[in-house]
């Protein structure tokens, strides 16, 4: 269960980096952050809060 808690925390931290990265034009980094978030959600069966639909 601790792994799920850590994964949730990582998702929140990574998600918080997306807007600042977009603001400086780091779009490749944004894509990698998004991919990392999706992978964590998939691996730990998490829902991404406020996610856009694909």
C-alpha atoms as a PDB file:
ATOM      1  CA  UNK A   1       0.000   0.000   0.000  1.00  0.00           C
ATOM      2  CA  UNK A   2       2.906   2.349   0.636  1.00  0.00           C
ATOM      3  CA  UNK A   3       3.917   2.064  -3.029  1.00  0.00           C
ATOM      4  CA  UNK A   4       0.488   3.321  -4.098  1.00  0.00           C
ATOM      5  CA  UNK A   5       0.827   6.290  -1.755  1.00  0.00           C
ATOM      6  CA  UNK A   6       4.247   7.104  -3.188  1.00  0.00           C
ATOM      7  CA  UNK A   7       2.922   6.748  -6.741  1.00  0.00           C
ATOM      8  CA  UNK A   8       0.025   9.129  -5.981  1.00  0.00           C
ATOM      9  CA  UNK A   9       2.485  11.644  -4.564  1.00  0.00           C
ATOM     10  CA  UNK A  10       4.706  11.360  -7.641  1.00  0.00           C
ATOM     11  CA  UNK A  11       1.732  11.866  -9.951  1.00  0.00           C
ATOM     12  CA  UNK A  12       0.795  15.062  -8.120  1.00  0.00           C
ATOM     13  CA  UNK A  13       4.371  16.370  -8.163  1.00  0.00           C
ATOM     14  CA  UNK A  14       4.915  15.576 -11.837  1.00  0.00           C
ATOM     15  CA  UNK A  15       1.542  17.058 -12.784  1.00  0.00           C
ATOM     16  CA  UNK A  16       2.459  20.291 -10.987  1.00  0.00           C
ATOM     17  CA  UNK A  17       5.495  20.643 -13.275  1.00  0.00           C
ATOM     18  CA  UNK A  18       3.518  20.541 -16.522  1.00  0.00           C
ATOM     19  CA  UNK A  19       2.220  24.140 -16.543  1.00  0.00           C
ATOM     20  CA  UNK A  20       5.588  25.738 -15.692  1.00  0.00           C
ATOM     21  CA  UNK A  21       7.257  23.609 -18.365  1.00  0.00           C
ATOM     22  CA  UNK A  22       4.614  24.655 -20.909  1.00  0.00           C
ATOM     23  CA  UNK A  23       5.102  28.302 -19.969  1.00  0.00           C
ATOM     24  CA  UNK A  24       8.791  28.164 -20.882  1.00  0.00           C
ATOM     25  CA  UNK A  25       8.120  26.222 -24.062  1.00  0.00           C
ATOM     26  CA  UNK A  26       9.598  22.925 -22.912  1.00  0.00           C
ATOM     27  CA  UNK A  27       7.049  20.886 -24.836  1.00  0.00           C
ATOM     28  CA  UNK A  28       9.204  17.768 -25.190  1.00  0.00           C
ATOM     29  CA  UNK A  29       9.624  17.752 -21.411  1.00  0.00           C
ATOM     30  CA  UNK A  30       5.858  18.153 -21.034  1.00  0.00           C
ATOM     31  CA  UNK A  31       5.308  15.114 -23.241  1.00  0.00           C
ATOM     32  CA  UNK A  32       7.725  13.086 -21.112  1.00  0.00           C
ATOM     33  CA  UNK A  33       6.078  14.239 -17.880  1.00  0.00           C
ATOM     34  CA  UNK A  34       2.679  13.288 -19.258  1.00  0.00           C
ATOM     35  CA  UNK A  35       3.971   9.870 -20.324  1.00  0.00           C
ATOM     36  CA  UNK A  36       5.473   9.286 -16.871  1.00  0.00           C
ATOM     37  CA  UNK A  37       2.186  10.244 -15.205  1.00  0.00           C
ATOM     38  CA  UNK A  38       0.222   7.934 -17.495  1.00  0.00           C
ATOM     39  CA  UNK A  39       2.632   5.073 -16.796  1.00  0.00           C
ATOM     40  CA  UNK A  40       2.344   5.516 -13.026  1.00  0.00           C
ATOM     41  CA  UNK A  41      -1.443   5.661 -13.233  1.00  0.00           C
ATOM     42  CA  UNK A  42      -1.545   2.528 -15.368  1.00  0.00           C
ATOM     43  CA  UNK A  43       0.940   0.588 -13.224  1.00  0.00           C
ATOM     44  CA  UNK A  44      -0.674   1.468  -9.895  1.00  0.00           C
ATOM     45  CA  UNK A  45      -4.291   1.620 -11.134  1.00  0.00           C
ATOM     46  CA  UNK A  46      -4.668   5.312 -10.278  1.00  0.00           C
ATOM     47  CA  UNK A  47      -7.057   7.896 -11.664  1.00  0.00           C
ATOM     48  CA  UNK A  48      -5.471  11.097 -12.825  1.00  0.00           C
ATOM     49  CA  UNK A  49      -7.361  13.974 -11.243  1.00  0.00           C
ATOM     50  CA  UNK A  50      -8.407  16.664 -13.691  1.00  0.00           C
ATOM     51  CA  UNK A  51      -7.039  14.756 -16.656  1.00  0.00           C
ATOM     52  CA  UNK A  52      -8.006  15.624 -20.174  1.00  0.00           C
ATOM     53  CA  UNK A  53      -9.786  12.990 -22.219  1.00  0.00           C
ATOM     54  CA  UNK A  54      -7.677  11.245 -24.847  1.00  0.00           C
END
